[in-house]
Amino acid sequence: MTYVDGFVLAVPTANMEKYHRYAEVAAAVLKKHGASNVVECWGDDVPKGELTDFYRAVQARDDETIVFSWITWPDKETRDAGMEKAMGDPIFDAKTNPMPLDGKRMIFGGFRTIIDA
């Protein structure tokens, strides 16, 4: 069954175009290595909560926008192999191609699909 990697990021709003270009190249690399789909969503209507919210989860600053994204894979085995290969690509080398955001505040995880309606 489908496997999903999910991400929440705080991206400096001024870096929207840089992030868009970075994400497009990264998506192509991920798809080359087996990802079925890559979705990147720029925050548009992200409410601030009273106890917890996306902003607190990634320690977003006032000049940052929340990005919610996910990658779908045919299964976990494809994801594990594909992600390992993709991480070897220069697009993901932080020394030569730094992300246009603070990656230390990114939250992410892998999820086994239980409903896909």
PDB file of N, CA and C in Angstrom:
ATOM      1  N   MET A   1       0.838  -1.189   0.000  1.00  0.00           N
ATOM      2  CA  MET A   1       0.000   0.000   0.000  1.00  0.00           C
ATOM      3  C   MET A   1       0.878   1.245   0.000  1.00  0.00           C
ATOM      4  N   THR A   2       0.366   2.336  -0.488  1.00  0.00           N
ATOM      5  CA  THR A   2       1.082   3.599  -0.603  1.00  0.00           C
ATOM      6  C   THR A   2       1.755   4.003   0.705  1.00  0.00           C
ATOM      7  N   TYR A   3       2.955   4.558   0.574  1.00  0.00           N
ATOM      8  CA  TYR A   3       3.694   5.073   1.723  1.00  0.00           C
ATOM      9  C   TYR A   3       3.869   6.575   1.512  1.00  0.00           C
ATOM     10  N   VAL A   4       3.780   7.351   2.588  1.00  0.00           N
ATOM     11  CA  VAL A   4       3.820   8.811   2.484  1.00  0.00           C
ATOM     12  C   VAL A   4       4.867   9.385   3.425  1.00  0.00           C
ATOM     13  N   ASP A   5       5.695  10.287   2.901  1.00  0.00           N
ATOM     14  CA  ASP A   5       6.571  11.108   3.726  1.00  0.00           C
ATOM     15  C   ASP A   5       5.912  12.469   3.827  1.00  0.00           C
ATOM     16  N   GLY A   6       5.725  12.968   5.047  1.00  0.00           N
ATOM     17  CA  GLY A   6       5.102  14.269   5.254  1.00  0.00           C
ATOM     18  C   GLY A   6       6.070  15.242   5.898  1.00  0.00           C
ATOM     19  N   PHE A   7       5.925  16.531   5.551  1.00  0.00           N
ATOM     20  CA  PHE A   7       6.837  17.565   6.014  1.00  0.00           C
ATOM     21  C   PHE A   7       6.083  18.843   6.357  1.00  0.00           C
ATOM     22  N   VAL A   8       6.544  19.540   7.382  1.00  0.00           N
ATOM     23  CA  VAL A   8       6.092  20.897   7.683  1.00  0.00           C
ATOM     24  C   VAL A   8       7.352  21.731   7.850  1.00  0.00           C
ATOM     25  N   LEU A   9       7.401  22.864   7.177  1.00  0.00           N
ATOM     26  CA  LEU A   9       8.582  23.723   7.149  1.00  0.00           C
ATOM     27  C   LEU A   9       8.192  25.169   7.393  1.00  0.00           C
ATOM     28  N   ALA A  10       9.145  25.957   7.877  1.00  0.00           N
ATOM     29  CA  ALA A  10       8.990  27.408   7.956  1.00  0.00           C
ATOM     30  C   ALA A  10       9.983  27.988   6.948  1.00  0.00           C
ATOM     31  N   VAL A  11       9.470  28.624   5.908  1.00  0.00           N
ATOM     32  CA  VAL A  11      10.321  29.174   4.852  1.00  0.00           C
ATOM     33  C   VAL A  11      10.235  30.698   4.901  1.00  0.00           C
ATOM     34  N   PRO A  12      11.387  31.376   4.893  1.00  0.00           N
ATOM     35  CA  PRO A  12      11.324  32.833   4.837  1.00  0.00           C
ATOM     36  C   PRO A  12      10.451  33.264   3.652  1.00  0.00           C
ATOM     37  N   THR A  13       9.464  34.080   3.922  1.00  0.00           N
ATOM     38  CA  THR A  13       8.535  34.504   2.882  1.00  0.00           C
ATOM     39  C   THR A  13       9.268  35.117   1.703  1.00  0.00           C
ATOM     40  N   ALA A  14      10.343  35.825   1.956  1.00  0.00           N
ATOM     41  CA  ALA A  14      11.134  36.435   0.884  1.00  0.00           C
ATOM     42  C   ALA A  14      11.791  35.387  -0.010  1.00  0.00           C
ATOM     43  N   ASN A  15      11.892  34.147   0.452  1.00  0.00           N
ATOM     44  CA  ASN A  15      12.528  33.078  -0.322  1.00  0.00           C
ATOM     45  C   ASN A  15      11.531  32.202  -1.079  1.00  0.00           C
ATOM     46  N   MET A  16      10.317  32.685  -1.273  1.00  0.00           N
ATOM     47  CA  MET A  16       9.296  31.855  -1.925  1.00  0.00           C
ATOM     48  C   MET A  16       9.774  31.353  -3.286  1.00  0.00           C
ATOM     49  N   GLU A  17      10.279  32.228  -4.130  1.00  0.00           N
ATOM     50  CA  GLU A  17      10.715  31.809  -5.465  1.00  0.00           C
ATOM     51  C   GLU A  17      11.910  30.866  -5.394  1.00  0.00           C
ATOM     52  N   LYS A  18      12.866  31.145  -4.510  1.00  0.00           N
ATOM     53  CA  LYS A  18      14.013  30.246  -4.334  1.00  0.00           C
ATOM     54  C   LYS A  18      13.538  28.867  -3.895  1.00  0.00           C
ATOM     55  N   TYR A  19      12.605  28.836  -2.942  1.00  0.00           N
ATOM     56  CA  TYR A  19      12.099  27.561  -2.458  1.00  0.00           C
ATOM     57  C   TYR A  19      11.379  26.822  -3.581  1.00  0.00           C
ATOM     58  N   HIS A  20      10.583  27.537  -4.352  1.00  0.00           N
ATOM     59  CA  HIS A  20       9.834  26.930  -5.462  1.00  0.00           C
ATOM     60  C   HIS A  20      10.802  26.253  -6.436  1.00  0.00           C
ATOM     61  N   ARG A  21      11.874  26.959  -6.808  1.00  0.00           N
ATOM     62  CA  ARG A  21      12.863  26.382  -7.736  1.00  0.00           C
ATOM     63  C   ARG A  21      13.554  25.168  -7.110  1.00  0.00           C
ATOM     64  N   TYR A  22      13.943  25.298  -5.851  1.00  0.00           N
ATOM     65  CA  TYR A  22      14.588  24.186  -5.135  1.00  0.00           C
ATOM     66  C   TYR A  22      13.666  22.966  -5.109  1.00  0.00           C
ATOM     67  N   ALA A  23      12.411  23.185  -4.769  1.00  0.00           N
ATOM     68  CA  ALA A  23      11.445  22.098  -4.640  1.00  0.00           C
ATOM     69  C   ALA A  23      11.159  21.432  -5.988  1.00  0.00           C
ATOM     70  N   GLU A  24      11.129  22.207  -7.057  1.00  0.00           N
ATOM     71  CA  GLU A  24      10.900  21.617  -8.379  1.00  0.00           C
ATOM     72  C   GLU A  24      12.020  20.652  -8.756  1.00  0.00           C
ATOM     73  N   VAL A  25      13.259  21.054  -8.533  1.00  0.00           N
ATOM     74  CA  VAL A  25      14.401  20.188  -8.848  1.00  0.00           C
ATOM     75  C   VAL A  25      14.393  18.961  -7.935  1.00  0.00           C
ATOM     76  N   ALA A  26      14.143  19.179  -6.649  1.00  0.00           N
ATOM     77  CA  ALA A  26      14.094  18.064  -5.703  1.00  0.00           C
ATOM     78  C   ALA A  26      12.996  17.076  -6.092  1.00  0.00           C
ATOM     79  N   ALA A  27      11.847  17.573  -6.504  1.00  0.00           N
ATOM     80  CA  ALA A  27      10.739  16.696  -6.905  1.00  0.00           C
ATOM     81  C   ALA A  27      11.137  15.821  -8.084  1.00  0.00           C
ATOM     82  N   ALA A  28      11.828  16.400  -9.048  1.00  0.00           N
ATOM     83  CA  ALA A  28      12.261  15.613 -10.213  1.00  0.00           C
ATOM     84  C   ALA A  28      13.222  14.499  -9.791  1.00  0.00           C
ATOM     85  N   VAL A  29      14.124  14.810  -8.873  1.00  0.00           N
ATOM     86  CA  VAL A  29      15.073  13.801  -8.380  1.00  0.00           C
ATOM     87  C   VAL A  29      14.324  12.700  -7.639  1.00  0.00           C
ATOM     88  N   LEU A  30      13.401  13.071  -6.780  1.00  0.00           N
ATOM     89  CA  LEU A  30      12.637  12.081  -6.019  1.00  0.00           C
ATOM     90  C   LEU A  30      11.817  11.183  -6.944  1.00  0.00           C
ATOM     91  N   LYS A  31      11.205  11.775  -7.959  1.00  0.00           N
ATOM     92  CA  LYS A  31      10.415  10.981  -8.905  1.00  0.00           C
ATOM     93  C   LYS A  31      11.314  10.056  -9.722  1.00  0.00           C
ATOM     94  N   LYS A  32      12.514  10.527 -10.054  1.00  0.00           N
ATOM     95  CA  LYS A  32      13.472   9.685 -10.785  1.00  0.00           C
ATOM     96  C   LYS A  32      13.822   8.437  -9.979  1.00  0.00           C
ATOM     97  N   HIS A  33      13.754   8.555  -8.658  1.00  0.00           N
ATOM     98  CA  HIS A  33      14.122   7.445  -7.785  1.00  0.00           C
ATOM     99  C   HIS A  33      12.914   6.723  -7.188  1.00  0.00           C
ATOM    100  N   GLY A  34      11.754   6.871  -7.810  1.00  0.00           N
ATOM    101  CA  GLY A  34      10.611   6.044  -7.441  1.00  0.00           C
ATOM    102  C   GLY A  34       9.415   6.706  -6.797  1.00  0.00           C
ATOM    103  N   ALA A  35       9.510   7.990  -6.444  1.00  0.00           N
ATOM    104  CA  ALA A  35       8.343   8.661  -5.855  1.00  0.00           C
ATOM    105  C   ALA A  35       7.210   8.717  -6.881  1.00  0.00           C
ATOM    106  N   SER A  36       6.006   8.469  -6.430  1.00  0.00           N
ATOM    107  CA  SER A  36       4.844   8.549  -7.311  1.00  0.00           C
ATOM    108  C   SER A  36       4.395   9.987  -7.516  1.00  0.00           C
ATOM    109  N   ASN A  37       4.510  10.790  -6.452  1.00  0.00           N
ATOM    110  CA  ASN A  37       3.999  12.161  -6.500  1.00  0.00           C
ATOM    111  C   ASN A  37       4.701  12.980  -5.425  1.00  0.00           C
ATOM    112  N   VAL A  38       4.925  14.248  -5.719  1.00  0.00           N
ATOM    113  CA  VAL A  38       5.488  15.186  -4.751  1.00  0.00           C
ATOM    114  C   VAL A  38       4.586  16.412  -4.748  1.00  0.00           C
ATOM    115  N   VAL A  39       4.114  16.803  -3.568  1.00  0.00           N
ATOM    116  CA  VAL A  39       3.216  17.949  -3.440  1.00  0.00           C
ATOM    117  C   VAL A  39       3.832  18.954  -2.477  1.00  0.00           C
ATOM    118  N   GLU A  40       3.896  20.207  -2.889  1.00  0.00           N
ATOM    119  CA  GLU A  40       4.403  21.315  -2.073  1.00  0.00           C
ATOM    120  C   GLU A  40       3.287  22.347  -1.953  1.00  0.00           C
ATOM    121  N   CYS A  41       2.956  22.740  -0.741  1.00  0.00           N
ATOM    122  CA  CYS A  41       1.856  23.677  -0.513  1.00  0.00           C
ATOM    123  C   CYS A  41       2.354  24.868   0.299  1.00  0.00           C
ATOM    124  N   TRP A  42       2.188  26.074  -0.245  1.00  0.00           N
ATOM    125  CA  TRP A  42       2.597  27.314   0.406  1.00  0.00           C
ATOM    126  C   TRP A  42       1.446  27.805   1.266  1.00  0.00           C
ATOM    127  N   GLY A  43       1.689  28.025   2.556  1.00  0.00           N
ATOM    128  CA  GLY A  43       0.635  28.414   3.496  1.00  0.00           C
ATOM    129  C   GLY A  43      -0.161  29.627   3.037  1.00  0.00           C
ATOM    130  N   ASP A  44      -1.463  29.498   3.108  1.00  0.00           N
ATOM    131  CA  ASP A  44      -2.357  30.563   2.673  1.00  0.00           C
ATOM    132  C   ASP A  44      -3.396  30.889   3.753  1.00  0.00           C
ATOM    133  N   ASP A  45      -3.861  29.872   4.444  1.00  0.00           N
ATOM    134  CA  ASP A  45      -4.881  30.038   5.479  1.00  0.00           C
ATOM    135  C   ASP A  45      -4.511  29.109   6.636  1.00  0.00           C
ATOM    136  N   VAL A  46      -3.447  29.467   7.347  1.00  0.00           N
ATOM    137  CA  VAL A  46      -2.903  28.634   8.414  1.00  0.00           C
ATOM    138  C   VAL A  46      -3.138  29.360   9.744  1.00  0.00           C
ATOM    139  N   PRO A  47      -4.160  28.965  10.481  1.00  0.00           N
ATOM    140  CA  PRO A  47      -4.492  29.678  11.715  1.00  0.00           C
ATOM    141  C   PRO A  47      -3.477  29.429  12.832  1.00  0.00           C
ATOM    142  N   LYS A  48      -3.342  30.407  13.674  1.00  0.00           N
ATOM    143  CA  LYS A  48      -2.526  30.255  14.880  1.00  0.00           C
ATOM    144  C   LYS A  48      -3.438  29.734  15.979  1.00  0.00           C
ATOM    145  N   GLY A  49      -2.990  28.682  16.643  1.00  0.00           N
ATOM    146  CA  GLY A  49      -3.793  28.053  17.686  1.00  0.00           C
ATOM    147  C   GLY A  49      -3.516  28.656  19.052  1.00  0.00           C
ATOM    148  N   GLU A  50      -4.290  28.233  20.020  1.00  0.00           N
ATOM    149  CA  GLU A  50      -4.093  28.703  21.385  1.00  0.00           C
ATOM    150  C   GLU A  50      -3.131  27.813  22.159  1.00  0.00           C
ATOM    151  N   LEU A  51      -3.040  26.545  21.788  1.00  0.00           N
ATOM    152  CA  LEU A  51      -2.160  25.616  22.490  1.00  0.00           C
ATOM    153  C   LEU A  51      -1.026  25.131  21.589  1.00  0.00           C
ATOM    154  N   THR A  52      -1.379  24.755  20.359  1.00  0.00           N
ATOM    155  CA  THR A  52      -0.375  24.284  19.403  1.00  0.00           C
ATOM    156  C   THR A  52      -0.843  24.599  17.988  1.00  0.00           C
ATOM    157  N   ASP A  53       0.089  24.656  17.068  1.00  0.00           N
ATOM    158  CA  ASP A  53      -0.217  24.926  15.671  1.00  0.00           C
ATOM    159  C   ASP A  53       1.019  24.648  14.831  1.00  0.00           C
ATOM    160  N   PHE A  54       0.894  24.818  13.521  1.00  0.00           N
ATOM    161  CA  PHE A  54       2.031  24.596  12.630  1.00  0.00           C
ATOM    162  C   PHE A  54       3.183  25.554  12.941  1.00  0.00           C
ATOM    163  N   TYR A  55       2.857  26.795  13.287  1.00  0.00           N
ATOM    164  CA  TYR A  55       3.895  27.796  13.562  1.00  0.00           C
ATOM    165  C   TYR A  55       4.773  27.367  14.742  1.00  0.00           C
ATOM    166  N   ARG A  56       4.134  26.943  15.815  1.00  0.00           N
ATOM    167  CA  ARG A  56       4.900  26.513  16.988  1.00  0.00           C
ATOM    168  C   ARG A  56       5.688  25.243  16.703  1.00  0.00           C
ATOM    169  N   ALA A  57       5.106  24.358  15.910  1.00  0.00           N
ATOM    170  CA  ALA A  57       5.754  23.081  15.628  1.00  0.00           C
ATOM    171  C   ALA A  57       7.124  23.270  14.976  1.00  0.00           C
ATOM    172  N   VAL A  58       7.262  24.322  14.156  1.00  0.00           N
ATOM    173  CA  VAL A  58       8.530  24.562  13.454  1.00  0.00           C
ATOM    174  C   VAL A  58       9.191  25.866  13.891  1.00  0.00           C
ATOM    175  N   GLN A  59       8.714  26.423  14.986  1.00  0.00           N
ATOM    176  CA  GLN A  59       9.256  27.674  15.526  1.00  0.00           C
ATOM    177  C   GLN A  59       9.331  28.762  14.453  1.00  0.00           C
ATOM    178  N   ALA A  60       8.236  28.918  13.706  1.00  0.00           N
ATOM    179  CA  ALA A  60       8.187  29.906  12.629  1.00  0.00           C
ATOM    180  C   ALA A  60       8.270  31.323  13.180  1.00  0.00           C
ATOM    181  N   ARG A  61       8.983  32.139  12.447  1.00  0.00           N
ATOM    182  CA  ARG A  61       9.112  33.556  12.794  1.00  0.00           C
ATOM    183  C   ARG A  61       8.066  34.357  12.018  1.00  0.00           C
ATOM    184  N   ASP A  62       7.900  35.604  12.374  1.00  0.00           N
ATOM    185  CA  ASP A  62       6.892  36.450  11.731  1.00  0.00           C
ATOM    186  C   ASP A  62       7.140  36.647  10.233  1.00  0.00           C
ATOM    187  N   ASP A  63       8.394  36.530   9.805  1.00  0.00           N
ATOM    188  CA  ASP A  63       8.714  36.739   8.396  1.00  0.00           C
ATOM    189  C   ASP A  63       8.804  35.427   7.612  1.00  0.00           C
ATOM    190  N   GLU A  64       8.193  34.357   8.158  1.00  0.00           N
ATOM    191  CA  GLU A  64       8.229  33.055   7.506  1.00  0.00           C
ATOM    192  C   GLU A  64       6.817  32.557   7.200  1.00  0.00           C
ATOM    193  N   THR A  65       6.733  31.734   6.177  1.00  0.00           N
ATOM    194  CA  THR A  65       5.466  31.127   5.763  1.00  0.00           C
ATOM    195  C   THR A  65       5.562  29.619   5.986  1.00  0.00           C
ATOM    196  N   ILE A  66       4.457  29.029   6.403  1.00  0.00           N
ATOM    197  CA  ILE A  66       4.403  27.584   6.610  1.00  0.00           C
ATOM    198  C   ILE A  66       4.256  26.886   5.261  1.00  0.00           C
ATOM    199  N   VAL A  67       5.065  25.849   5.065  1.00  0.00           N
ATOM    200  CA  VAL A  67       4.960  24.994   3.885  1.00  0.00           C
ATOM    201  C   VAL A  67       4.606  23.593   4.378  1.00  0.00           C
ATOM    202  N   PHE A  68       3.611  23.008   3.747  1.00  0.00           N
ATOM    203  CA  PHE A  68       3.159  21.663   4.061  1.00  0.00           C
ATOM    204  C   PHE A  68       3.371  20.843   2.798  1.00  0.00           C
ATOM    205  N   SER A  69       4.094  19.747   2.906  1.00  0.00           N
ATOM    206  CA  SER A  69       4.367  18.964   1.703  1.00  0.00           C
ATOM    207  C   SER A  69       4.359  17.478   2.009  1.00  0.00           C
ATOM    208  N   TRP A  70       4.213  16.697   0.935  1.00  0.00           N
ATOM    209  CA  TRP A  70       4.270  15.265   1.096  1.00  0.00           C
ATOM    210  C   TRP A  70       4.749  14.615  -0.196  1.00  0.00           C
ATOM    211  N   ILE A  71       5.315  13.434  -0.013  1.00  0.00           N
ATOM    212  CA  ILE A  71       5.789  12.617  -1.124  1.00  0.00           C
ATOM    213  C   ILE A  71       5.082  11.277  -0.996  1.00  0.00           C
ATOM    214  N   THR A  72       4.481  10.810  -2.085  1.00  0.00           N
ATOM    215  CA  THR A  72       3.880   9.479  -2.056  1.00  0.00           C
ATOM    216  C   THR A  72       4.790   8.513  -2.814  1.00  0.00           C
ATOM    217  N   TRP A  73       4.838   7.316  -2.290  1.00  0.00           N
ATOM    218  CA  TRP A  73       5.645   6.231  -2.851  1.00  0.00           C
ATOM    219  C   TRP A  73       4.745   5.010  -3.018  1.00  0.00           C
ATOM    220  N   PRO A  74       5.074   4.118  -3.938  1.00  0.00           N
ATOM    221  CA  PRO A  74       4.245   2.911  -4.091  1.00  0.00           C
ATOM    222  C   PRO A  74       4.194   2.057  -2.822  1.00  0.00           C
ATOM    223  N   ASP A  75       5.306   2.020  -2.073  1.00  0.00           N
ATOM    224  CA  ASP A  75       5.373   1.230  -0.849  1.00  0.00           C
ATOM    225  C   ASP A  75       6.620   1.659  -0.070  1.00  0.00           C
ATOM    226  N   LYS A  76       6.762   1.172   1.143  1.00  0.00           N
ATOM    227  CA  LYS A  76       7.880   1.579   2.004  1.00  0.00           C
ATOM    228  C   LYS A  76       9.225   1.111   1.438  1.00  0.00           C
ATOM    229  N   GLU A  77       9.257  -0.049   0.837  1.00  0.00           N
ATOM    230  CA  GLU A  77      10.512  -0.551   0.282  1.00  0.00           C
ATOM    231  C   GLU A  77      11.019   0.373  -0.826  1.00  0.00           C
ATOM    232  N   THR A  78      10.115   0.803  -1.700  1.00  0.00           N
ATOM    233  CA  THR A  78      10.486   1.741  -2.769  1.00  0.00           C
ATOM    234  C   THR A  78      10.946   3.054  -2.166  1.00  0.00           C
ATOM    235  N   ARG A  79      10.260   3.499  -1.130  1.00  0.00           N
ATOM    236  CA  ARG A  79      10.645   4.741  -0.461  1.00  0.00           C
ATOM    237  C   ARG A  79      12.038   4.641   0.146  1.00  0.00           C
ATOM    238  N   ASP A  80      12.292   3.572   0.867  1.00  0.00           N
ATOM    239  CA  ASP A  80      13.592   3.428   1.520  1.00  0.00           C
ATOM    240  C   ASP A  80      14.726   3.435   0.496  1.00  0.00           C
ATOM    241  N   ALA A  81      14.579   2.663  -0.565  1.00  0.00           N
ATOM    242  CA  ALA A  81      15.613   2.599  -1.605  1.00  0.00           C
ATOM    243  C   ALA A  81      15.705   3.919  -2.365  1.00  0.00           C
ATOM    244  N   GLY A  82      14.557   4.482  -2.720  1.00  0.00           N
ATOM    245  CA  GLY A  82      14.537   5.728  -3.484  1.00  0.00           C
ATOM    246  C   GLY A  82      15.076   6.915  -2.711  1.00  0.00           C
ATOM    247  N   MET A  83      14.722   6.996  -1.435  1.00  0.00           N
ATOM    248  CA  MET A  83      15.189   8.109  -0.620  1.00  0.00           C
ATOM    249  C   MET A  83      16.703   8.016  -0.429  1.00  0.00           C
ATOM    250  N   GLU A  84      17.223   6.814  -0.241  1.00  0.00           N
ATOM    251  CA  GLU A  84      18.667   6.648  -0.089  1.00  0.00           C
ATOM    252  C   GLU A  84      19.395   7.114  -1.353  1.00  0.00           C
ATOM    253  N   LYS A  85      18.888   6.726  -2.520  1.00  0.00           N
ATOM    254  CA  LYS A  85      19.502   7.156  -3.785  1.00  0.00           C
ATOM    255  C   LYS A  85      19.369   8.662  -3.965  1.00  0.00           C
ATOM    256  N   ALA A  86      18.187   9.197  -3.692  1.00  0.00           N
ATOM    257  CA  ALA A  86      17.944  10.631  -3.883  1.00  0.00           C
ATOM    258  C   ALA A  86      18.847  11.475  -2.985  1.00  0.00           C
ATOM    259  N   MET A  87      19.047  11.042  -1.752  1.00  0.00           N
ATOM    260  CA  MET A  87      19.879  11.815  -0.820  1.00  0.00           C
ATOM    261  C   MET A  87      21.333  11.895  -1.283  1.00  0.00           C
ATOM    262  N   GLY A  88      21.735  11.034  -2.210  1.00  0.00           N
ATOM    263  CA  GLY A  88      23.079  11.104  -2.779  1.00  0.00           C
ATOM    264  C   GLY A  88      23.202  12.103  -3.919  1.00  0.00           C
ATOM    265  N   ASP A  89      22.071  12.686  -4.328  1.00  0.00           N
ATOM    266  CA  ASP A  89      22.085  13.654  -5.425  1.00  0.00           C
ATOM    267  C   ASP A  89      22.598  15.010  -4.926  1.00  0.00           C
ATOM    268  N   PRO A  90      23.343  15.742  -5.756  1.00  0.00           N
ATOM    269  CA  PRO A  90      23.877  17.046  -5.350  1.00  0.00           C
ATOM    270  C   PRO A  90      22.816  18.062  -4.896  1.00  0.00           C
ATOM    271  N   ILE A  91      21.572  17.930  -5.347  1.00  0.00           N
ATOM    272  CA  ILE A  91      20.527  18.868  -4.912  1.00  0.00           C
ATOM    273  C   ILE A  91      20.364  18.826  -3.395  1.00  0.00           C
ATOM    274  N   PHE A  92      20.649  17.676  -2.791  1.00  0.00           N
ATOM    275  CA  PHE A  92      20.471  17.534  -1.359  1.00  0.00           C
ATOM    276  C   PHE A  92      21.760  17.706  -0.562  1.00  0.00           C
ATOM    277  N   ASP A  93      22.822  18.175  -1.210  1.00  0.00           N
ATOM    278  CA  ASP A  93      24.088  18.428  -0.520  1.00  0.00           C
ATOM    279  C   ASP A  93      24.043  19.837   0.068  1.00  0.00           C
ATOM    280  N   ALA A  94      23.852  19.930   1.365  1.00  0.00           N
ATOM    281  CA  ALA A  94      23.682  21.229   2.038  1.00  0.00           C
ATOM    282  C   ALA A  94      24.905  22.124   1.915  1.00  0.00           C
ATOM    283  N   LYS A  95      26.071  21.540   1.707  1.00  0.00           N
ATOM    284  CA  LYS A  95      27.285  22.357   1.588  1.00  0.00           C
ATOM    285  C   LYS A  95      27.365  23.069   0.244  1.00  0.00           C
ATOM    286  N   THR A  96      26.958  22.399  -0.819  1.00  0.00           N
ATOM    287  CA  THR A  96      27.037  23.007  -2.154  1.00  0.00           C
ATOM    288  C   THR A  96      25.714  23.591  -2.623  1.00  0.00           C
ATOM    289  N   ASN A  97      24.607  23.172  -2.018  1.00  0.00           N
ATOM    290  CA  ASN A  97      23.286  23.662  -2.412  1.00  0.00           C
ATOM    291  C   ASN A  97      22.406  23.812  -1.173  1.00  0.00           C
ATOM    292  N   PRO A  98      22.670  24.824  -0.352  1.00  0.00           N
ATOM    293  CA  PRO A  98      21.890  24.977   0.883  1.00  0.00           C
ATOM    294  C   PRO A  98      20.398  25.220   0.606  1.00  0.00           C
ATOM    295  N   MET A  99      19.564  24.641   1.450  1.00  0.00           N
ATOM    296  CA  MET A  99      18.125  24.866   1.334  1.00  0.00           C
ATOM    297  C   MET A  99      17.822  26.326   1.669  1.00  0.00           C
ATOM    298  N   PRO A 100      16.802  26.904   1.043  1.00  0.00           N
ATOM    299  CA  PRO A 100      16.437  28.293   1.343  1.00  0.00           C
ATOM    300  C   PRO A 100      15.565  28.412   2.597  1.00  0.00           C
ATOM    301  N   LEU A 101      15.924  27.644   3.633  1.00  0.00           N
ATOM    302  CA  LEU A 101      15.185  27.627   4.891  1.00  0.00           C
ATOM    303  C   LEU A 101      16.079  26.993   5.940  1.00  0.00           C
ATOM    304  N   ASP A 102      15.648  27.065   7.186  1.00  0.00           N
ATOM    305  CA  ASP A 102      16.381  26.438   8.280  1.00  0.00           C
ATOM    306  C   ASP A 102      15.886  25.001   8.427  1.00  0.00           C
ATOM    307  N   GLY A 103      16.629  24.063   7.863  1.00  0.00           N
ATOM    308  CA  GLY A 103      16.223  22.662   7.865  1.00  0.00           C
ATOM    309  C   GLY A 103      16.152  22.041   9.247  1.00  0.00           C
ATOM    310  N   LYS A 104      16.814  22.645  10.228  1.00  0.00           N
ATOM    311  CA  LYS A 104      16.784  22.097  11.590  1.00  0.00           C
ATOM    312  C   LYS A 104      15.397  22.210  12.212  1.00  0.00           C
ATOM    313  N   ARG A 105      14.585  23.131  11.688  1.00  0.00           N
ATOM    314  CA  ARG A 105      13.232  23.313  12.241  1.00  0.00           C
ATOM    315  C   ARG A 105      12.166  22.583  11.433  1.00  0.00           C
ATOM    316  N   MET A 106      12.567  21.851  10.419  1.00  0.00           N
ATOM    317  CA  MET A 106      11.629  21.069   9.621  1.00  0.00           C
ATOM    318  C   MET A 106      11.173  19.864  10.449  1.00  0.00           C
ATOM    319  N   ILE A 107       9.885  19.554  10.384  1.00  0.00           N
ATOM    320  CA  ILE A 107       9.418  18.309  10.985  1.00  0.00           C
ATOM    321  C   ILE A 107       8.985  17.388   9.850  1.00  0.00           C
ATOM    322  N   PHE A 108       9.216  16.105  10.038  1.00  0.00           N
ATOM    323  CA  PHE A 108       8.912  15.161   8.971  1.00  0.00           C
ATOM    324  C   PHE A 108       8.708  13.777   9.553  1.00  0.00           C
ATOM    325  N   GLY A 109       8.117  12.932   8.760  1.00  0.00           N
ATOM    326  CA  GLY A 109       7.928  11.557   9.171  1.00  0.00           C
ATOM    327  C   GLY A 109       7.401  10.723   8.030  1.00  0.00           C
ATOM    328  N   GLY A 110       7.554   9.408   8.161  1.00  0.00           N
ATOM    329  CA  GLY A 110       7.037   8.462   7.182  1.00  0.00           C
ATOM    330  C   GLY A 110       5.768   7.815   7.718  1.00  0.00           C
ATOM    331  N   PHE A 111       4.795   7.643   6.837  1.00  0.00           N
ATOM    332  CA  PHE A 111       3.475   7.166   7.255  1.00  0.00           C
ATOM    333  C   PHE A 111       2.965   6.059   6.346  1.00  0.00           C
ATOM    334  N   ARG A 112       2.452   5.034   6.970  1.00  0.00           N
ATOM    335  CA  ARG A 112       1.807   3.936   6.259  1.00  0.00           C
ATOM    336  C   ARG A 112       0.348   4.338   6.041  1.00  0.00           C
ATOM    337  N   THR A 113      -0.114   4.264   4.811  1.00  0.00           N
ATOM    338  CA  THR A 113      -1.490   4.644   4.481  1.00  0.00           C
ATOM    339  C   THR A 113      -2.468   3.622   5.055  1.00  0.00           C
ATOM    340  N   ILE A 114      -3.500   4.113   5.725  1.00  0.00           N
ATOM    341  CA  ILE A 114      -4.542   3.207   6.216  1.00  0.00           C
ATOM    342  C   ILE A 114      -5.895   3.462   5.534  1.00  0.00           C
ATOM    343  N   ILE A 115      -6.097   4.686   5.005  1.00  0.00           N
ATOM    344  CA  ILE A 115      -7.295   4.988   4.217  1.00  0.00           C
ATOM    345  C   ILE A 115      -6.870   5.896   3.069  1.00  0.00           C
ATOM    346  N   ASP A 116      -7.338   5.597   1.871  1.00  0.00           N
ATOM    347  CA  ASP A 116      -7.104   6.443   0.697  1.00  0.00           C
ATOM    348  C   ASP A 116      -8.419   6.444  -0.077  1.00  0.00           C
ATOM    349  N   ALA A 117      -9.312   7.310   0.320  1.00  0.00           N
ATOM    350  CA  ALA A 117     -10.669   7.307  -0.233  1.00  0.00           C
ATOM    351  C   ALA A 117     -10.812   8.225  -1.427  1.00  0.00           C
TER     352      ALA A 117
END
